[in-house]
């Protein structure tokens, strides 16, 4: 892997703190009636074709009215802050299938939908299934607090179909700002974070395969002169369940990361409302979720998509191949020059 490191601090739009977005409108891209009608028509048409959503591409849909707004959202994700909120979709007017189809039409203008787990699910309903977040299950099945992490693909999408009675906010932190802060305050741990860690695969692999990743995955890496972040502490620590130990300095480096992302001045909180879609770049943003409670009238229900963007300028390694081997478009430095 060629280094091509940028100057520190890294000065990109994805380097932000909470104050930069304290007055920003949410959602920042709103669908109007004409856009909604156009997306409804496209969604109904593609549903009638019967093709699976993970085959849908931007070129399948002619969206002259809503296309420019979706292009602005994509620009925010790829070249801007690293996230975008699209709002205004009338979920209450449509069936579940139609809502998911419209979501897929919109997502096709952000990236290509990917399967998310070994079971082959291309959409994941993020609801409380009363399953603890552990090395044998995925966090989206619980109502627990989820610590800061990046998801398995280039871009994640979350569509709001139901809100919790209490909690359930999505918290974002700039991974670029995190890197800059560590470089300023604790540069001694950067080599450890850049060397990376083995990850527990949480049972998302064929029988007989090793339960850990085959190699270390860097928390911070540089490709094409751009920073790429890939972080999830829990599967890093769960390697100890398979007999692998973490060195004291490795634990110290992880503690530095977690202490910095816990600073309120670095965080923005987003409650994903009905009909709102949050998309974020997993290379430039870490996300967390607060614990939540449902009641008889309020049940948190998000629908998650994982997207890969073959046109992105960021082409680093994700965790997708841990859970769905062979589906990532990432090539290692040994396979192709970067």
C-alpha atoms as a PDB file:
ATOM      1  CA  UNK A   1       0.000   0.000   0.000  1.00  0.00           C
ATOM      2  CA  UNK A   2       1.489   3.305  -1.040  1.00  0.00           C
ATOM      3  CA  UNK A   3       1.415   5.850   1.770  1.00  0.00           C
ATOM      4  CA  UNK A   4       0.935   9.264   0.117  1.00  0.00           C
ATOM      5  CA  UNK A   5       0.033  10.846   3.417  1.00  0.00           C
ATOM      6  CA  UNK A   6      -1.528  14.305   3.425  1.00  0.00           C
ATOM      7  CA  UNK A   7      -0.255  17.056   5.664  1.00  0.00           C
ATOM      8  CA  UNK A   8      -1.438  16.970   9.276  1.00  0.00           C
ATOM      9  CA  UNK A   9      -3.888  18.289  10.276  1.00  0.00           C
ATOM     10  CA  UNK A  10      -5.901  16.920   7.383  1.00  0.00           C
ATOM     11  CA  UNK A  11      -7.963  19.799   6.022  1.00  0.00           C
ATOM     12  CA  UNK A  12     -11.050  18.413   4.270  1.00  0.00           C
ATOM     13  CA  UNK A  13     -14.771  19.185   4.617  1.00  0.00           C
ATOM     14  CA  UNK A  14     -15.120  15.861   6.471  1.00  0.00           C
ATOM     15  CA  UNK A  15     -13.011  17.338   9.280  1.00  0.00           C
ATOM     16  CA  UNK A  16     -15.682  18.877  11.506  1.00  0.00           C
ATOM     17  CA  UNK A  17     -16.864  19.233  15.091  1.00  0.00           C
ATOM     18  CA  UNK A  18     -20.308  19.692  16.592  1.00  0.00           C
ATOM     19  CA  UNK A  19     -20.216  23.480  16.389  1.00  0.00           C
ATOM     20  CA  UNK A  20     -19.937  23.292  12.595  1.00  0.00           C
ATOM     21  CA  UNK A  21     -23.382  21.676  12.384  1.00  0.00           C
ATOM     22  CA  UNK A  22     -25.183  23.094  15.404  1.00  0.00           C
ATOM     23  CA  UNK A  23     -27.317  25.349  13.211  1.00  0.00           C
ATOM     24  CA  UNK A  24     -27.521  23.126  10.131  1.00  0.00           C
ATOM     25  CA  UNK A  25     -31.063  22.097   9.111  1.00  0.00           C
ATOM     26  CA  UNK A  26     -32.011  18.441   9.465  1.00  0.00           C
ATOM     27  CA  UNK A  27     -33.013  16.994   7.089  1.00  0.00           C
ATOM     28  CA  UNK A  28     -30.750  18.961   4.795  1.00  0.00           C
ATOM     29  CA  UNK A  29     -32.284  17.572   1.577  1.00  0.00           C
ATOM     30  CA  UNK A  30     -36.079  17.664   1.469  1.00  0.00           C
ATOM     31  CA  UNK A  31     -38.227  15.857  -1.096  1.00  0.00           C
ATOM     32  CA  UNK A  32     -41.089  17.970  -2.463  1.00  0.00           C
ATOM     33  CA  UNK A  33     -44.346  16.736  -3.994  1.00  0.00           C
ATOM     34  CA  UNK A  34     -42.986  16.538  -7.524  1.00  0.00           C
ATOM     35  CA  UNK A  35     -39.938  14.570  -6.384  1.00  0.00           C
ATOM     36  CA  UNK A  36     -42.107  12.204  -4.356  1.00  0.00           C
ATOM     37  CA  UNK A  37     -44.375  11.556  -7.333  1.00  0.00           C
ATOM     38  CA  UNK A  38     -41.401  10.825  -9.560  1.00  0.00           C
ATOM     39  CA  UNK A  39     -39.860   8.414  -7.030  1.00  0.00           C
ATOM     40  CA  UNK A  40     -43.234   6.708  -6.487  1.00  0.00           C
ATOM     41  CA  UNK A  41     -43.515   6.075 -10.231  1.00  0.00           C
ATOM     42  CA  UNK A  42     -39.985   4.715 -10.446  1.00  0.00           C
ATOM     43  CA  UNK A  43     -40.450   2.498  -7.385  1.00  0.00           C
ATOM     44  CA  UNK A  44     -43.740   1.044  -8.634  1.00  0.00           C
ATOM     45  CA  UNK A  45     -42.225   0.315 -12.026  1.00  0.00           C
ATOM     46  CA  UNK A  46     -39.138  -1.456 -10.732  1.00  0.00           C
ATOM     47  CA  UNK A  47     -41.208  -3.454  -8.231  1.00  0.00           C
ATOM     48  CA  UNK A  48     -43.356  -4.695 -11.094  1.00  0.00           C
ATOM     49  CA  UNK A  49     -40.233  -5.960 -12.852  1.00  0.00           C
ATOM     50  CA  UNK A  50     -39.446  -8.221  -9.908  1.00  0.00           C
ATOM     51  CA  UNK A  51     -35.684  -7.745  -9.967  1.00  0.00           C
ATOM     52  CA  UNK A  52     -33.959  -7.911  -6.569  1.00  0.00           C
ATOM     53  CA  UNK A  53     -33.018  -4.537  -5.151  1.00  0.00           C
ATOM     54  CA  UNK A  54     -29.309  -5.282  -5.045  1.00  0.00           C
ATOM     55  CA  UNK A  55     -29.347  -5.325  -8.854  1.00  0.00           C
ATOM     56  CA  UNK A  56     -30.798  -1.832  -9.103  1.00  0.00           C
ATOM     57  CA  UNK A  57     -28.506   0.868 -10.483  1.00  0.00           C
ATOM     58  CA  UNK A  58     -28.764   4.609 -10.927  1.00  0.00           C
ATOM     59  CA  UNK A  59     -29.026   4.123 -14.687  1.00  0.00           C
ATOM     60  CA  UNK A  60     -32.269   2.146 -14.205  1.00  0.00           C
ATOM     61  CA  UNK A  61     -34.112   5.308 -13.189  1.00  0.00           C
ATOM     62  CA  UNK A  62     -34.736   8.546 -15.046  1.00  0.00           C
ATOM     63  CA  UNK A  63     -35.210  11.118 -12.267  1.00  0.00           C
ATOM     64  CA  UNK A  64     -34.960  14.598 -13.829  1.00  0.00           C
ATOM     65  CA  UNK A  65     -36.894  16.230 -10.970  1.00  0.00           C
ATOM     66  CA  UNK A  66     -35.391  14.539  -7.900  1.00  0.00           C
ATOM     67  CA  UNK A  67     -32.048  13.585  -9.429  1.00  0.00           C
ATOM     68  CA  UNK A  68     -30.330  16.946  -8.760  1.00  0.00           C
ATOM     69  CA  UNK A  69     -31.293  16.804  -5.062  1.00  0.00           C
ATOM     70  CA  UNK A  70     -29.986  13.246  -4.765  1.00  0.00           C
ATOM     71  CA  UNK A  71     -26.781  14.324  -6.515  1.00  0.00           C
ATOM     72  CA  UNK A  72     -26.299  17.037  -3.874  1.00  0.00           C
ATOM     73  CA  UNK A  73     -26.804  14.458  -1.129  1.00  0.00           C
ATOM     74  CA  UNK A  74     -24.211  12.208  -2.762  1.00  0.00           C
ATOM     75  CA  UNK A  75     -21.767  15.115  -2.983  1.00  0.00           C
ATOM     76  CA  UNK A  76     -22.188  15.705   0.761  1.00  0.00           C
ATOM     77  CA  UNK A  77     -21.343  12.058   1.438  1.00  0.00           C
ATOM     78  CA  UNK A  78     -18.430  11.773  -0.981  1.00  0.00           C
ATOM     79  CA  UNK A  79     -16.870  15.233  -0.956  1.00  0.00           C
ATOM     80  CA  UNK A  80     -18.477  17.065   1.954  1.00  0.00           C
ATOM     81  CA  UNK A  81     -19.096  16.330   5.606  1.00  0.00           C
ATOM     82  CA  UNK A  82     -19.483  12.613   4.936  1.00  0.00           C
ATOM     83  CA  UNK A  83     -23.213  12.351   5.636  1.00  0.00           C
ATOM     84  CA  UNK A  84     -26.572  13.540   4.334  1.00  0.00           C
ATOM     85  CA  UNK A  85     -30.161  13.430   5.603  1.00  0.00           C
ATOM     86  CA  UNK A  86     -32.926  13.120   3.006  1.00  0.00           C
ATOM     87  CA  UNK A  87     -36.404  13.796   4.376  1.00  0.00           C
ATOM     88  CA  UNK A  88     -39.999  14.112   3.325  1.00  0.00           C
ATOM     89  CA  UNK A  89     -40.775  10.599   2.103  1.00  0.00           C
ATOM     90  CA  UNK A  90     -44.412   9.840   3.133  1.00  0.00           C
ATOM     91  CA  UNK A  91     -43.981   6.389   4.685  1.00  0.00           C
ATOM     92  CA  UNK A  92     -47.501   6.502   6.103  1.00  0.00           C
ATOM     93  CA  UNK A  93     -48.953   6.562   2.575  1.00  0.00           C
ATOM     94  CA  UNK A  94     -47.312   3.355   1.411  1.00  0.00           C
ATOM     95  CA  UNK A  95     -46.859  -0.328   2.182  1.00  0.00           C
ATOM     96  CA  UNK A  96     -43.630  -1.659   3.600  1.00  0.00           C
ATOM     97  CA  UNK A  97     -42.615  -3.045   0.194  1.00  0.00           C
ATOM     98  CA  UNK A  98     -43.275   0.267  -1.530  1.00  0.00           C
ATOM     99  CA  UNK A  99     -41.331   2.182   1.119  1.00  0.00           C
ATOM    100  CA  UNK A 100     -38.361  -0.164   0.694  1.00  0.00           C
ATOM    101  CA  UNK A 101     -38.591   0.142  -3.079  1.00  0.00           C
ATOM    102  CA  UNK A 102     -38.538   3.950  -2.901  1.00  0.00           C
ATOM    103  CA  UNK A 103     -35.623   3.716  -0.483  1.00  0.00           C
ATOM    104  CA  UNK A 104     -33.814   1.511  -3.004  1.00  0.00           C
ATOM    105  CA  UNK A 105     -34.468   3.959  -5.844  1.00  0.00           C
ATOM    106  CA  UNK A 106     -32.985   6.789  -3.772  1.00  0.00           C
ATOM    107  CA  UNK A 107     -30.073   4.651  -2.544  1.00  0.00           C
ATOM    108  CA  UNK A 108     -29.176   3.690  -6.118  1.00  0.00           C
ATOM    109  CA  UNK A 109     -28.125   7.328  -6.608  1.00  0.00           C
ATOM    110  CA  UNK A 110     -25.765   7.003  -3.621  1.00  0.00           C
ATOM    111  CA  UNK A 111     -24.164   3.603  -4.284  1.00  0.00           C
ATOM    112  CA  UNK A 112     -24.763  -0.061  -5.078  1.00  0.00           C
ATOM    113  CA  UNK A 113     -26.745  -2.100  -2.544  1.00  0.00           C
ATOM    114  CA  UNK A 114     -24.759  -4.971  -1.024  1.00  0.00           C
ATOM    115  CA  UNK A 115     -25.647  -8.073   0.971  1.00  0.00           C
ATOM    116  CA  UNK A 116     -24.918  -7.410   4.659  1.00  0.00           C
ATOM    117  CA  UNK A 117     -24.468 -10.769   6.333  1.00  0.00           C
ATOM    118  CA  UNK A 118     -23.653 -14.396   5.801  1.00  0.00           C
ATOM    119  CA  UNK A 119     -27.374 -15.199   5.716  1.00  0.00           C
ATOM    120  CA  UNK A 120     -27.701 -13.145   2.519  1.00  0.00           C
ATOM    121  CA  UNK A 121     -29.866 -10.254   3.728  1.00  0.00           C
ATOM    122  CA  UNK A 122     -29.639  -7.168   1.531  1.00  0.00           C
ATOM    123  CA  UNK A 123     -31.820  -5.145   3.895  1.00  0.00           C
ATOM    124  CA  UNK A 124     -31.707  -5.286   7.683  1.00  0.00           C
ATOM    125  CA  UNK A 125     -34.617  -4.244   9.874  1.00  0.00           C
ATOM    126  CA  UNK A 126     -33.050  -2.521  12.871  1.00  0.00           C
ATOM    127  CA  UNK A 127     -35.499  -3.314  15.655  1.00  0.00           C
ATOM    128  CA  UNK A 128     -35.292  -4.616  19.189  1.00  0.00           C
ATOM    129  CA  UNK A 129     -35.290  -8.414  18.991  1.00  0.00           C
ATOM    130  CA  UNK A 130     -34.210  -8.691  22.654  1.00  0.00           C
ATOM    131  CA  UNK A 131     -30.882 -10.208  21.625  1.00  0.00           C
ATOM    132  CA  UNK A 132     -27.794  -8.980  23.477  1.00  0.00           C
ATOM    133  CA  UNK A 133     -25.001  -7.394  21.479  1.00  0.00           C
ATOM    134  CA  UNK A 134     -22.251 -10.016  21.716  1.00  0.00           C
ATOM    135  CA  UNK A 135     -19.681 -11.986  19.752  1.00  0.00           C
ATOM    136  CA  UNK A 136     -22.490 -14.287  18.582  1.00  0.00           C
ATOM    137  CA  UNK A 137     -24.942 -11.651  17.308  1.00  0.00           C
ATOM    138  CA  UNK A 138     -25.049  -8.328  15.516  1.00  0.00           C
ATOM    139  CA  UNK A 139     -25.813  -5.037  17.272  1.00  0.00           C
ATOM    140  CA  UNK A 140     -28.865  -4.208  15.172  1.00  0.00           C
ATOM    141  CA  UNK A 141     -30.833  -6.955  16.956  1.00  0.00           C
ATOM    142  CA  UNK A 142     -30.634  -5.284  20.366  1.00  0.00           C
ATOM    143  CA  UNK A 143     -31.800  -2.098  22.070  1.00  0.00           C
ATOM    144  CA  UNK A 144     -28.426  -1.631  23.738  1.00  0.00           C
ATOM    145  CA  UNK A 145     -26.068   1.282  23.426  1.00  0.00           C
ATOM    146  CA  UNK A 146     -23.820   0.717  20.414  1.00  0.00           C
ATOM    147  CA  UNK A 147     -20.353   2.229  20.843  1.00  0.00           C
ATOM    148  CA  UNK A 148     -18.740   4.250  18.068  1.00  0.00           C
ATOM    149  CA  UNK A 149     -17.831   2.170  15.048  1.00  0.00           C
ATOM    150  CA  UNK A 150     -17.843   2.033  11.273  1.00  0.00           C
ATOM    151  CA  UNK A 151     -20.106  -0.360   9.372  1.00  0.00           C
ATOM    152  CA  UNK A 152     -19.029  -2.994   6.887  1.00  0.00           C
ATOM    153  CA  UNK A 153     -19.417  -1.175   3.570  1.00  0.00           C
ATOM    154  CA  UNK A 154     -18.405   2.174   2.061  1.00  0.00           C
ATOM    155  CA  UNK A 155     -21.717   3.849   2.891  1.00  0.00           C
ATOM    156  CA  UNK A 156     -24.562   3.016   5.261  1.00  0.00           C
ATOM    157  CA  UNK A 157     -28.174   4.087   4.890  1.00  0.00           C
ATOM    158  CA  UNK A 158     -30.882   4.205   7.557  1.00  0.00           C
ATOM    159  CA  UNK A 159     -34.581   4.762   6.748  1.00  0.00           C
ATOM    160  CA  UNK A 160     -36.952   5.715   9.560  1.00  0.00           C
ATOM    161  CA  UNK A 161     -40.160   3.663   9.741  1.00  0.00           C
ATOM    162  CA  UNK A 162     -40.770   4.002  13.480  1.00  0.00           C
ATOM    163  CA  UNK A 163     -39.463   6.030  16.422  1.00  0.00           C
ATOM    164  CA  UNK A 164     -38.646   4.788  19.916  1.00  0.00           C
ATOM    165  CA  UNK A 165     -40.499   5.944  22.986  1.00  0.00           C
ATOM    166  CA  UNK A 166     -37.158   6.967  24.466  1.00  0.00           C
ATOM    167  CA  UNK A 167     -33.603   7.183  23.104  1.00  0.00           C
ATOM    168  CA  UNK A 168     -32.266   5.639  19.929  1.00  0.00           C
ATOM    169  CA  UNK A 169     -30.420   8.691  18.605  1.00  0.00           C
ATOM    170  CA  UNK A 170     -27.696   8.190  16.020  1.00  0.00           C
ATOM    171  CA  UNK A 171     -24.476   9.992  16.986  1.00  0.00           C
ATOM    172  CA  UNK A 172     -21.845  10.891  14.400  1.00  0.00           C
ATOM    173  CA  UNK A 173     -18.202  11.858  14.874  1.00  0.00           C
ATOM    174  CA  UNK A 174     -15.763  12.930  12.171  1.00  0.00           C
ATOM    175  CA  UNK A 175     -13.130  10.217  11.765  1.00  0.00           C
ATOM    176  CA  UNK A 176     -10.882  12.800  10.138  1.00  0.00           C
ATOM    177  CA  UNK A 177     -11.105  15.034  13.184  1.00  0.00           C
ATOM    178  CA  UNK A 178     -10.439  11.982  15.349  1.00  0.00           C
ATOM    179  CA  UNK A 179      -7.229  11.293  13.427  1.00  0.00           C
ATOM    180  CA  UNK A 180      -6.135  14.919  13.627  1.00  0.00           C
ATOM    181  CA  UNK A 181      -6.770  14.976  17.376  1.00  0.00           C
ATOM    182  CA  UNK A 182      -4.799  11.782  18.000  1.00  0.00           C
ATOM    183  CA  UNK A 183      -1.947  13.068  15.834  1.00  0.00           C
ATOM    184  CA  UNK A 184      -1.873  16.237  17.941  1.00  0.00           C
ATOM    185  CA  UNK A 185      -2.393  14.759  21.417  1.00  0.00           C
ATOM    186  CA  UNK A 186      -1.194  11.133  21.257  1.00  0.00           C
ATOM    187  CA  UNK A 187       0.931  10.565  18.150  1.00  0.00           C
ATOM    188  CA  UNK A 188       2.649   7.686  19.960  1.00  0.00           C
ATOM    189  CA  UNK A 189      -0.387   5.425  19.444  1.00  0.00           C
ATOM    190  CA  UNK A 190      -0.822   6.107  15.734  1.00  0.00           C
ATOM    191  CA  UNK A 191       1.586   3.330  14.635  1.00  0.00           C
ATOM    192  CA  UNK A 192      -0.478   0.829  16.634  1.00  0.00           C
ATOM    193  CA  UNK A 193      -3.749   2.040  15.104  1.00  0.00           C
ATOM    194  CA  UNK A 194      -2.254   2.043  11.620  1.00  0.00           C
ATOM    195  CA  UNK A 195      -0.923  -1.509  12.058  1.00  0.00           C
ATOM    196  CA  UNK A 196      -4.464  -2.492  12.986  1.00  0.00           C
ATOM    197  CA  UNK A 197      -6.145  -5.411  14.738  1.00  0.00           C
ATOM    198  CA  UNK A 198      -7.604  -8.814  14.082  1.00  0.00           C
ATOM    199  CA  UNK A 199     -11.419  -8.912  14.234  1.00  0.00           C
ATOM    200  CA  UNK A 200     -13.858 -11.559  15.457  1.00  0.00           C
ATOM    201  CA  UNK A 201     -16.247 -12.546  12.660  1.00  0.00           C
ATOM    202  CA  UNK A 202     -19.182 -13.172  15.047  1.00  0.00           C
ATOM    203  CA  UNK A 203     -20.173 -16.431  13.414  1.00  0.00           C
ATOM    204  CA  UNK A 204     -20.572 -14.803   9.999  1.00  0.00           C
ATOM    205  CA  UNK A 205     -18.503 -17.385   8.133  1.00  0.00           C
ATOM    206  CA  UNK A 206     -18.774 -20.923   6.755  1.00  0.00           C
ATOM    207  CA  UNK A 207     -18.242 -23.885   9.048  1.00  0.00           C
ATOM    208  CA  UNK A 208     -14.595 -24.774   9.249  1.00  0.00           C
ATOM    209  CA  UNK A 209     -13.278 -21.272   8.558  1.00  0.00           C
ATOM    210  CA  UNK A 210     -11.348 -19.463  11.256  1.00  0.00           C
ATOM    211  CA  UNK A 211     -13.536 -17.241  13.466  1.00  0.00           C
ATOM    212  CA  UNK A 212     -11.052 -14.346  13.204  1.00  0.00           C
ATOM    213  CA  UNK A 213     -10.112 -12.125  10.296  1.00  0.00           C
ATOM    214  CA  UNK A 214      -7.169 -13.545   8.325  1.00  0.00           C
ATOM    215  CA  UNK A 215      -5.099 -10.388   8.789  1.00  0.00           C
ATOM    216  CA  UNK A 216      -4.952  -7.175  10.798  1.00  0.00           C
ATOM    217  CA  UNK A 217      -7.311  -4.430   9.661  1.00  0.00           C
ATOM    218  CA  UNK A 218      -5.940  -0.891  10.176  1.00  0.00           C
ATOM    219  CA  UNK A 219      -8.001   1.632  12.096  1.00  0.00           C
ATOM    220  CA  UNK A 220      -6.370   4.355   9.999  1.00  0.00           C
ATOM    221  CA  UNK A 221      -4.951   3.778   6.519  1.00  0.00           C
ATOM    222  CA  UNK A 222      -4.044   5.954   3.556  1.00  0.00           C
ATOM    223  CA  UNK A 223      -5.003   5.215  -0.044  1.00  0.00           C
ATOM    224  CA  UNK A 224      -4.546   7.676  -2.899  1.00  0.00           C
ATOM    225  CA  UNK A 225      -3.415  10.227  -0.324  1.00  0.00           C
ATOM    226  CA  UNK A 226      -6.749  10.022   1.518  1.00  0.00           C
ATOM    227  CA  UNK A 227      -7.449   8.901   5.075  1.00  0.00           C
ATOM    228  CA  UNK A 228      -9.637   5.820   5.519  1.00  0.00           C
ATOM    229  CA  UNK A 229     -10.987   4.855   8.940  1.00  0.00           C
ATOM    230  CA  UNK A 230     -12.249   1.376   9.862  1.00  0.00           C
ATOM    231  CA  UNK A 231     -13.064   0.870  13.547  1.00  0.00           C
ATOM    232  CA  UNK A 232     -15.161  -1.371  15.760  1.00  0.00           C
ATOM    233  CA  UNK A 233     -13.722  -2.106  19.195  1.00  0.00           C
ATOM    234  CA  UNK A 234     -16.035  -4.926  20.194  1.00  0.00           C
ATOM    235  CA  UNK A 235     -14.976  -7.468  17.533  1.00  0.00           C
ATOM    236  CA  UNK A 236     -11.368  -6.372  18.156  1.00  0.00           C
ATOM    237  CA  UNK A 237     -11.677  -7.309  21.835  1.00  0.00           C
ATOM    238  CA  UNK A 238     -13.727 -10.426  21.164  1.00  0.00           C
ATOM    239  CA  UNK A 239     -10.668 -12.075  19.554  1.00  0.00           C
ATOM    240  CA  UNK A 240      -9.742 -12.867  23.146  1.00  0.00           C
ATOM    241  CA  UNK A 241     -12.624 -15.356  23.205  1.00  0.00           C
ATOM    242  CA  UNK A 242     -10.608 -17.365  20.670  1.00  0.00           C
ATOM    243  CA  UNK A 243      -7.407 -17.276  22.723  1.00  0.00           C
ATOM    244  CA  UNK A 244      -5.722 -14.247  21.140  1.00  0.00           C
ATOM    245  CA  UNK A 245      -4.446 -11.619  23.581  1.00  0.00           C
ATOM    246  CA  UNK A 246      -4.254  -7.855  23.172  1.00  0.00           C
ATOM    247  CA  UNK A 247      -1.056  -6.189  24.318  1.00  0.00           C
ATOM    248  CA  UNK A 248      -1.264  -3.435  26.919  1.00  0.00           C
ATOM    249  CA  UNK A 249      -0.217  -0.842  24.357  1.00  0.00           C
ATOM    250  CA  UNK A 250      -2.950  -2.017  21.999  1.00  0.00           C
ATOM    251  CA  UNK A 251      -5.571  -1.599  24.715  1.00  0.00           C
ATOM    252  CA  UNK A 252      -4.118   1.822  25.496  1.00  0.00           C
ATOM    253  CA  UNK A 253      -4.465   2.853  21.834  1.00  0.00           C
ATOM    254  CA  UNK A 254      -8.102   1.714  21.774  1.00  0.00           C
ATOM    255  CA  UNK A 255      -8.742   3.648  24.979  1.00  0.00           C
ATOM    256  CA  UNK A 256      -7.358   6.793  23.358  1.00  0.00           C
ATOM    257  CA  UNK A 257      -9.774   6.426  20.447  1.00  0.00           C
ATOM    258  CA  UNK A 258     -12.770   5.865  22.700  1.00  0.00           C
ATOM    259  CA  UNK A 259     -11.889   8.732  25.038  1.00  0.00           C
ATOM    260  CA  UNK A 260     -11.683  11.205  22.163  1.00  0.00           C
ATOM    261  CA  UNK A 261     -14.890  10.168  20.365  1.00  0.00           C
ATOM    262  CA  UNK A 262     -16.707  10.443  23.732  1.00  0.00           C
ATOM    263  CA  UNK A 263     -16.129  14.202  23.817  1.00  0.00           C
ATOM    264  CA  UNK A 264     -19.520  15.932  23.363  1.00  0.00           C
ATOM    265  CA  UNK A 265     -17.973  18.781  21.389  1.00  0.00           C
ATOM    266  CA  UNK A 266     -17.072  16.320  18.621  1.00  0.00           C
ATOM    267  CA  UNK A 267     -20.509  14.689  18.342  1.00  0.00           C
ATOM    268  CA  UNK A 268     -23.671  15.506  16.449  1.00  0.00           C
ATOM    269  CA  UNK A 269     -26.927  13.752  17.362  1.00  0.00           C
ATOM    270  CA  UNK A 270     -29.531  12.840  14.751  1.00  0.00           C
ATOM    271  CA  UNK A 271     -32.943  11.371  15.527  1.00  0.00           C
ATOM    272  CA  UNK A 272     -34.079   9.703  12.316  1.00  0.00           C
ATOM    273  CA  UNK A 273     -37.740  10.599  11.950  1.00  0.00           C
ATOM    274  CA  UNK A 274     -40.459   8.911   9.917  1.00  0.00           C
ATOM    275  CA  UNK A 275     -39.623   9.059   6.239  1.00  0.00           C
ATOM    276  CA  UNK A 276     -36.098  10.371   6.827  1.00  0.00           C
ATOM    277  CA  UNK A 277     -33.023   8.667   5.385  1.00  0.00           C
ATOM    278  CA  UNK A 278     -29.545   9.135   6.825  1.00  0.00           C
ATOM    279  CA  UNK A 279     -26.610   8.136   4.633  1.00  0.00           C
ATOM    280  CA  UNK A 280     -23.027   8.318   5.927  1.00  0.00           C
ATOM    281  CA  UNK A 281     -19.550   7.510   4.669  1.00  0.00           C
ATOM    282  CA  UNK A 282     -17.955   4.815   6.829  1.00  0.00           C
ATOM    283  CA  UNK A 283     -14.437   5.924   5.911  1.00  0.00           C
ATOM    284  CA  UNK A 284     -14.880   9.478   7.192  1.00  0.00           C
ATOM    285  CA  UNK A 285     -17.486   9.163   9.972  1.00  0.00           C
ATOM    286  CA  UNK A 286     -17.911   6.932  13.005  1.00  0.00           C
ATOM    287  CA  UNK A 287     -21.389   6.395  14.397  1.00  0.00           C
ATOM    288  CA  UNK A 288     -22.959   5.299  17.635  1.00  0.00           C
ATOM    289  CA  UNK A 289     -26.495   4.666  18.841  1.00  0.00           C
ATOM    290  CA  UNK A 290     -27.901   5.459  22.236  1.00  0.00           C
ATOM    291  CA  UNK A 291     -29.874   2.759  24.038  1.00  0.00           C
ATOM    292  CA  UNK A 292     -33.607   2.947  23.450  1.00  0.00           C
ATOM    293  CA  UNK A 293     -36.947   1.849  24.864  1.00  0.00           C
ATOM    294  CA  UNK A 294     -40.118   0.989  22.988  1.00  0.00           C
ATOM    295  CA  UNK A 295     -43.682   0.997  24.268  1.00  0.00           C
ATOM    296  CA  UNK A 296     -47.047  -0.060  22.896  1.00  0.00           C
ATOM    297  CA  UNK A 297     -47.359   3.029  20.702  1.00  0.00           C
ATOM    298  CA  UNK A 298     -43.740   3.781  19.814  1.00  0.00           C
ATOM    299  CA  UNK A 299     -41.387   1.174  18.380  1.00  0.00           C
ATOM    300  CA  UNK A 300     -38.060   2.092  16.867  1.00  0.00           C
ATOM    301  CA  UNK A 301     -37.772   0.680  13.357  1.00  0.00           C
ATOM    302  CA  UNK A 302     -35.002   1.603  10.961  1.00  0.00           C
ATOM    303  CA  UNK A 303     -34.118  -0.158   7.736  1.00  0.00           C
ATOM    304  CA  UNK A 304     -30.410  -0.382   7.014  1.00  0.00           C
ATOM    305  CA  UNK A 305     -28.727  -0.607   3.649  1.00  0.00           C
ATOM    306  CA  UNK A 306     -25.051  -1.141   2.968  1.00  0.00           C
ATOM    307  CA  UNK A 307     -23.768   0.486  -0.197  1.00  0.00           C
ATOM    308  CA  UNK A 308     -20.508   0.313  -2.102  1.00  0.00           C
ATOM    309  CA  UNK A 309     -19.531   3.170  -4.382  1.00  0.00           C
ATOM    310  CA  UNK A 310     -17.351   2.061  -7.310  1.00  0.00           C
ATOM    311  CA  UNK A 311     -16.869   5.704  -8.303  1.00  0.00           C
ATOM    312  CA  UNK A 312     -15.621   6.871  -4.906  1.00  0.00           C
ATOM    313  CA  UNK A 313     -12.197   8.397  -4.495  1.00  0.00           C
ATOM    314  CA  UNK A 314     -11.885   6.397  -1.263  1.00  0.00           C
ATOM    315  CA  UNK A 315     -11.138   2.777  -2.049  1.00  0.00           C
ATOM    316  CA  UNK A 316      -9.905   1.368   1.239  1.00  0.00           C
ATOM    317  CA  UNK A 317     -10.628  -1.864   3.043  1.00  0.00           C
ATOM    318  CA  UNK A 318     -13.978  -2.342   4.782  1.00  0.00           C
ATOM    319  CA  UNK A 319     -15.290  -5.114   7.031  1.00  0.00           C
ATOM    320  CA  UNK A 320     -17.656  -6.404   4.343  1.00  0.00           C
ATOM    321  CA  UNK A 321     -15.497  -9.382   3.429  1.00  0.00           C
ATOM    322  CA  UNK A 322     -15.534 -10.575   7.041  1.00  0.00           C
ATOM    323  CA  UNK A 323     -19.295 -11.090   6.939  1.00  0.00           C
ATOM    324  CA  UNK A 324     -19.926 -11.694   3.228  1.00  0.00           C
ATOM    325  CA  UNK A 325     -16.673 -13.017   1.770  1.00  0.00           C
ATOM    326  CA  UNK A 326     -15.819 -11.904  -1.743  1.00  0.00           C
ATOM    327  CA  UNK A 327     -18.426  -9.158  -2.031  1.00  0.00           C
ATOM    328  CA  UNK A 328     -16.238  -6.123  -1.346  1.00  0.00           C
ATOM    329  CA  UNK A 329     -14.740  -4.287  -4.308  1.00  0.00           C
ATOM    330  CA  UNK A 330     -11.576  -3.642  -2.302  1.00  0.00           C
ATOM    331  CA  UNK A 331      -8.313  -5.090  -3.616  1.00  0.00           C
ATOM    332  CA  UNK A 332      -5.264  -5.385  -1.410  1.00  0.00           C
ATOM    333  CA  UNK A 333      -1.978  -3.764  -2.339  1.00  0.00           C
ATOM    334  CA  UNK A 334      -0.681  -7.184  -3.303  1.00  0.00           C
ATOM    335  CA  UNK A 335      -3.514  -7.594  -5.826  1.00  0.00           C
ATOM    336  CA  UNK A 336      -3.473  -4.197  -7.454  1.00  0.00           C
ATOM    337  CA  UNK A 337      -1.445  -0.996  -7.087  1.00  0.00           C
ATOM    338  CA  UNK A 338      -3.158   1.787  -5.173  1.00  0.00           C
END
